[in-house]
Amino acid sequence: MSVLDLTTRCDDPEMPCAELIAPVGRFLDKARASDVSIFYTASFRDKGTALGEIAEGLNRRESETIVYPNSFDKFFGSDLRDALEAIGARSLVIVGAATNIAVMYTTTTAVRVHKYRVVIPIDGVRAGSQYEQEYALHQLHALPATSVTPVEYSTLDTITFL
């Protein structure tokens, strides 16, 4: 499970990502109950500051890793790939903000380069505007099926863990 850029900035109700905190927090509790590993990302520029911390409502555990890539693609310049390899991950559920930036670039690398199966709960991602949200989800849907495993879409309440 990858939680992209849901940091303390999302504790501000004026931020679009604030809408995600309560439902994603409940979803993460469900994942934890099934012993699913959770990895967070935050911006490299915010590391060591209050903005580099994970939003309160997500109830991050000390054992849950935060990586600080210096890129929109959260695999680039971080230990995310190594951490996922260490647990034998082959599928990822990606939630977070912004759909048109971190989610889109990270998902593209996950499916094209690393060959992960990726599920995006559409109610677990958010962009700054409805247009950006819809366009990013369309772009991910339009990745060529001959070169990647298609991105799957779901909702937070319909995803189950084995």
C-alpha atoms as a PDB file:
ATOM      1  CA  MET A   1       0.000   0.000   0.000  1.00  0.00           C
ATOM      2  CA  SER A   2       1.435   3.368  -0.994  1.00  0.00           C
ATOM      3  CA  VAL A   3       0.101   6.607   0.477  1.00  0.00           C
ATOM      4  CA  LEU A   4       1.379   9.508  -1.593  1.00  0.00           C
ATOM      5  CA  ASP A   5       1.915  12.959  -0.117  1.00  0.00           C
ATOM      6  CA  LEU A   6      -0.897  13.017   2.443  1.00  0.00           C
ATOM      7  CA  THR A   7       1.119  15.122   4.836  1.00  0.00           C
ATOM      8  CA  THR A   8       0.176  17.674   7.469  1.00  0.00           C
ATOM      9  CA  ARG A   9      -0.755  20.150   4.711  1.00  0.00           C
ATOM     10  CA  CYS A  10      -3.863  17.958   4.319  1.00  0.00           C
ATOM     11  CA  ASP A  11      -4.856  18.766   7.906  1.00  0.00           C
ATOM     12  CA  ASP A  12      -5.844  22.188   6.532  1.00  0.00           C
ATOM     13  CA  PRO A  13      -9.541  21.910   5.540  1.00  0.00           C
ATOM     14  CA  GLU A  14      -8.925  24.386   2.684  1.00  0.00           C
ATOM     15  CA  MET A  15      -6.630  21.912   0.901  1.00  0.00           C
ATOM     16  CA  PRO A  16      -8.291  19.524  -1.603  1.00  0.00           C
ATOM     17  CA  CYS A  17      -6.441  16.575  -0.052  1.00  0.00           C
ATOM     18  CA  ALA A  18      -8.156  17.226   3.302  1.00  0.00           C
ATOM     19  CA  GLU A  19     -11.218  15.408   1.926  1.00  0.00           C
ATOM     20  CA  LEU A  20      -9.158  12.200   1.764  1.00  0.00           C
ATOM     21  CA  ILE A  21      -7.947  12.015   5.346  1.00  0.00           C
ATOM     22  CA  ALA A  22     -10.989  10.484   7.081  1.00  0.00           C
ATOM     23  CA  PRO A  23     -11.854   7.870   4.407  1.00  0.00           C
ATOM     24  CA  VAL A  24      -8.226   6.941   3.737  1.00  0.00           C
ATOM     25  CA  GLY A  25      -7.593   6.763   7.492  1.00  0.00           C
ATOM     26  CA  ARG A  26     -10.417   4.213   7.856  1.00  0.00           C
ATOM     27  CA  PHE A  27      -9.081   2.297   4.847  1.00  0.00           C
ATOM     28  CA  LEU A  28      -5.581   2.174   6.346  1.00  0.00           C
ATOM     29  CA  ASP A  29      -7.037   0.779   9.578  1.00  0.00           C
ATOM     30  CA  LYS A  30      -8.653  -1.981   7.499  1.00  0.00           C
ATOM     31  CA  ALA A  31      -5.306  -2.648   5.783  1.00  0.00           C
ATOM     32  CA  ARG A  32      -3.476  -2.780   9.120  1.00  0.00           C
ATOM     33  CA  ALA A  33      -6.006  -5.302  10.448  1.00  0.00           C
ATOM     34  CA  SER A  34      -4.948  -7.572   7.559  1.00  0.00           C
ATOM     35  CA  ASP A  35      -1.214  -6.970   8.193  1.00  0.00           C
ATOM     36  CA  VAL A  36      -0.758  -5.044   4.934  1.00  0.00           C
ATOM     37  CA  SER A  37       2.478  -3.061   4.766  1.00  0.00           C
ATOM     38  CA  ILE A  38       1.945   0.677   4.382  1.00  0.00           C
ATOM     39  CA  PHE A  39       4.476   3.070   2.872  1.00  0.00           C
ATOM     40  CA  TYR A  40       4.100   6.844   2.869  1.00  0.00           C
ATOM     41  CA  THR A  41       5.770   9.500   0.787  1.00  0.00           C
ATOM     42  CA  ALA A  42       6.448  13.145   1.512  1.00  0.00           C
ATOM     43  CA  SER A  43       8.396  15.738  -0.420  1.00  0.00           C
ATOM     44  CA  PHE A  44      12.169  15.739   0.002  1.00  0.00           C
ATOM     45  CA  ARG A  45      12.093  19.509   0.509  1.00  0.00           C
ATOM     46  CA  ASP A  46       9.843  19.022   3.557  1.00  0.00           C
ATOM     47  CA  LYS A  47      11.929  16.333   5.257  1.00  0.00           C
ATOM     48  CA  GLY A  48      12.687  17.339   8.831  1.00  0.00           C
ATOM     49  CA  THR A  49       9.905  19.951   8.925  1.00  0.00           C
ATOM     50  CA  ALA A  50       6.300  19.827  10.103  1.00  0.00           C
ATOM     51  CA  LEU A  51       5.164  19.552   6.457  1.00  0.00           C
ATOM     52  CA  GLY A  52       7.225  16.371   6.114  1.00  0.00           C
ATOM     53  CA  GLU A  53       5.028  14.599   8.662  1.00  0.00           C
ATOM     54  CA  ILE A  54       2.022  12.449   7.781  1.00  0.00           C
ATOM     55  CA  ALA A  55      -1.492  13.865   8.317  1.00  0.00           C
ATOM     56  CA  GLU A  56      -2.865  13.187  11.805  1.00  0.00           C
ATOM     57  CA  GLY A  57      -6.012  11.346  10.716  1.00  0.00           C
ATOM     58  CA  LEU A  58      -4.036   8.594   8.988  1.00  0.00           C
ATOM     59  CA  ASN A  59      -2.765   7.324  12.357  1.00  0.00           C
ATOM     60  CA  ARG A  60       0.678   6.423  11.037  1.00  0.00           C
ATOM     61  CA  ARG A  61       2.494   3.803  13.084  1.00  0.00           C
ATOM     62  CA  GLU A  62       6.236   4.125  13.794  1.00  0.00           C
ATOM     63  CA  SER A  63       6.759   0.864  11.896  1.00  0.00           C
ATOM     64  CA  GLU A  64       5.266   2.372   8.724  1.00  0.00           C
ATOM     65  CA  THR A  65       7.988   3.779   6.499  1.00  0.00           C
ATOM     66  CA  ILE A  66       8.085   7.302   5.086  1.00  0.00           C
ATOM     67  CA  VAL A  67      10.223   7.883   2.001  1.00  0.00           C
ATOM     68  CA  TYR A  68      11.221  11.355   0.836  1.00  0.00           C
ATOM     69  CA  PRO A  69      11.857  11.288  -2.919  1.00  0.00           C
ATOM     70  CA  ASN A  70      12.882  14.456  -4.708  1.00  0.00           C
ATOM     71  CA  SER A  71      10.533  13.722  -7.603  1.00  0.00           C
ATOM     72  CA  PHE A  72       6.867  13.483  -8.545  1.00  0.00           C
ATOM     73  CA  ASP A  73       7.580   9.816  -9.363  1.00  0.00           C
ATOM     74  CA  LYS A  74       7.967   8.399  -5.858  1.00  0.00           C
ATOM     75  CA  PHE A  75      10.185   5.551  -7.091  1.00  0.00           C
ATOM     76  CA  PHE A  76      12.787   7.986  -8.401  1.00  0.00           C
ATOM     77  CA  GLY A  77      15.442   8.935  -5.878  1.00  0.00           C
ATOM     78  CA  SER A  78      13.939   6.949  -3.006  1.00  0.00           C
ATOM     79  CA  ASP A  79      14.085   3.553  -1.323  1.00  0.00           C
ATOM     80  CA  LEU A  80      10.456   2.745  -2.197  1.00  0.00           C
ATOM     81  CA  ARG A  81      11.325   0.021  -4.719  1.00  0.00           C
ATOM     82  CA  ASP A  82      13.765  -1.634  -2.302  1.00  0.00           C
ATOM     83  CA  ALA A  83      11.207  -1.539   0.514  1.00  0.00           C
ATOM     84  CA  LEU A  84       8.539  -3.117  -1.704  1.00  0.00           C
ATOM     85  CA  GLU A  85      10.981  -5.769  -2.924  1.00  0.00           C
ATOM     86  CA  ALA A  86      11.946  -6.605   0.664  1.00  0.00           C
ATOM     87  CA  ILE A  87       8.362  -7.641   1.439  1.00  0.00           C
ATOM     88  CA  GLY A  88       7.792  -9.363  -1.906  1.00  0.00           C
ATOM     89  CA  ALA A  89       5.076  -6.959  -3.065  1.00  0.00           C
ATOM     90  CA  ARG A  90       3.602  -7.610  -6.516  1.00  0.00           C
ATOM     91  CA  SER A  91       0.433  -5.534  -6.180  1.00  0.00           C
ATOM     92  CA  LEU A  92       0.010  -1.980  -4.970  1.00  0.00           C
ATOM     93  CA  VAL A  93      -2.971   0.020  -3.852  1.00  0.00           C
ATOM     94  CA  ILE A  94      -2.089   3.658  -4.435  1.00  0.00           C
ATOM     95  CA  VAL A  95      -3.915   6.454  -2.627  1.00  0.00           C
ATOM     96  CA  GLY A  96      -3.023  10.096  -2.155  1.00  0.00           C
ATOM     97  CA  ALA A  97      -2.553  13.471  -3.730  1.00  0.00           C
ATOM     98  CA  ALA A  98      -2.248  14.784  -6.278  1.00  0.00           C
ATOM     99  CA  THR A  99      -3.822  12.440  -8.808  1.00  0.00           C
ATOM    100  CA  ASN A 100      -2.424  14.416 -11.736  1.00  0.00           C
ATOM    101  CA  ILE A 101       1.087  14.546 -10.314  1.00  0.00           C
ATOM    102  CA  ALA A 102       2.352  12.038  -7.722  1.00  0.00           C
ATOM    103  CA  VAL A 103      -0.308   9.390  -8.338  1.00  0.00           C
ATOM    104  CA  MET A 104      -0.014   9.526 -12.130  1.00  0.00           C
ATOM    105  CA  TYR A 105       3.784   9.508 -12.319  1.00  0.00           C
ATOM    106  CA  THR A 106       4.263   6.897  -9.596  1.00  0.00           C
ATOM    107  CA  THR A 107       1.599   4.603 -11.033  1.00  0.00           C
ATOM    108  CA  THR A 108       3.081   4.864 -14.513  1.00  0.00           C
ATOM    109  CA  THR A 109       6.492   3.785 -13.240  1.00  0.00           C
ATOM    110  CA  ALA A 110       4.961   1.035 -11.103  1.00  0.00           C
ATOM    111  CA  VAL A 111       3.204  -0.604 -14.048  1.00  0.00           C
ATOM    112  CA  ARG A 112       5.581   0.189 -16.916  1.00  0.00           C
ATOM    113  CA  VAL A 113       8.975  -0.187 -15.289  1.00  0.00           C
ATOM    114  CA  HIS A 114       8.444  -2.401 -12.244  1.00  0.00           C
ATOM    115  CA  LYS A 115       5.477  -4.442 -13.552  1.00  0.00           C
ATOM    116  CA  TYR A 116       3.337  -4.103 -10.432  1.00  0.00           C
ATOM    117  CA  ARG A 117      -0.381  -4.709 -10.493  1.00  0.00           C
ATOM    118  CA  VAL A 118      -1.813  -1.341  -9.397  1.00  0.00           C
ATOM    119  CA  VAL A 119      -5.264  -0.649  -8.011  1.00  0.00           C
ATOM    120  CA  ILE A 120      -6.381   2.944  -7.552  1.00  0.00           C
ATOM    121  CA  PRO A 121      -9.474   3.549  -5.424  1.00  0.00           C
ATOM    122  CA  ILE A 122     -10.975   6.562  -7.158  1.00  0.00           C
ATOM    123  CA  ASP A 123     -12.290   7.900  -3.864  1.00  0.00           C
ATOM    124  CA  GLY A 124      -8.792   7.611  -2.373  1.00  0.00           C
ATOM    125  CA  VAL A 125      -7.053  10.045  -4.720  1.00  0.00           C
ATOM    126  CA  ARG A 126      -7.567  13.768  -5.260  1.00  0.00           C
ATOM    127  CA  ALA A 127      -6.316  16.522  -7.549  1.00  0.00           C
ATOM    128  CA  GLY A 128      -6.636  20.281  -7.274  1.00  0.00           C
ATOM    129  CA  SER A 129      -9.596  20.409  -9.666  1.00  0.00           C
ATOM    130  CA  GLN A 130     -12.188  18.045 -11.120  1.00  0.00           C
ATOM    131  CA  TYR A 131     -10.638  18.468 -14.583  1.00  0.00           C
ATOM    132  CA  GLU A 132      -7.170  17.486 -13.314  1.00  0.00           C
ATOM    133  CA  GLN A 133      -8.671  14.501 -11.493  1.00  0.00           C
ATOM    134  CA  GLU A 134     -10.577  13.184 -14.510  1.00  0.00           C
ATOM    135  CA  TYR A 135      -7.760  13.857 -16.959  1.00  0.00           C
ATOM    136  CA  ALA A 136      -5.193  12.022 -14.823  1.00  0.00           C
ATOM    137  CA  LEU A 137      -7.446   8.990 -14.358  1.00  0.00           C
ATOM    138  CA  HIS A 138      -8.076   8.973 -18.118  1.00  0.00           C
ATOM    139  CA  GLN A 139      -4.345   9.137 -18.847  1.00  0.00           C
ATOM    140  CA  LEU A 140      -3.686   6.174 -16.570  1.00  0.00           C
ATOM    141  CA  HIS A 141      -6.528   4.260 -18.191  1.00  0.00           C
ATOM    142  CA  ALA A 142      -5.097   5.034 -21.642  1.00  0.00           C
ATOM    143  CA  LEU A 143      -1.663   3.498 -20.991  1.00  0.00           C
ATOM    144  CA  PRO A 144      -1.048   1.074 -23.860  1.00  0.00           C
ATOM    145  CA  ALA A 145      -2.288  -2.375 -22.822  1.00  0.00           C
ATOM    146  CA  THR A 146       0.374  -4.022 -24.972  1.00  0.00           C
ATOM    147  CA  SER A 147       3.173  -2.509 -22.901  1.00  0.00           C
ATOM    148  CA  VAL A 148       1.791  -2.570 -19.360  1.00  0.00           C
ATOM    149  CA  THR A 149      -0.623  -4.302 -17.071  1.00  0.00           C
ATOM    150  CA  PRO A 150      -3.693  -2.061 -17.098  1.00  0.00           C
ATOM    151  CA  VAL A 151      -4.306   0.052 -14.018  1.00  0.00           C
ATOM    152  CA  GLU A 152      -7.367  -1.159 -12.136  1.00  0.00           C
ATOM    153  CA  TYR A 153      -9.887   1.142 -10.488  1.00  0.00           C
ATOM    154  CA  SER A 154     -11.968   0.464  -7.419  1.00  0.00           C
ATOM    155  CA  THR A 155     -13.310   2.238  -4.349  1.00  0.00           C
ATOM    156  CA  LEU A 156     -11.982   2.214  -0.805  1.00  0.00           C
ATOM    157  CA  ASP A 157     -14.895   0.180   0.558  1.00  0.00           C
ATOM    158  CA  THR A 158     -14.737  -2.559  -2.090  1.00  0.00           C
ATOM    159  CA  ILE A 159     -11.037  -3.390  -1.729  1.00  0.00           C
ATOM    160  CA  THR A 160     -10.338  -6.437   0.410  1.00  0.00           C
ATOM    161  CA  PHE A 161      -7.064  -7.913   1.562  1.00  0.00           C
ATOM    162  CA  LEU A 162      -6.170 -11.576   1.645  1.00  0.00           C
END
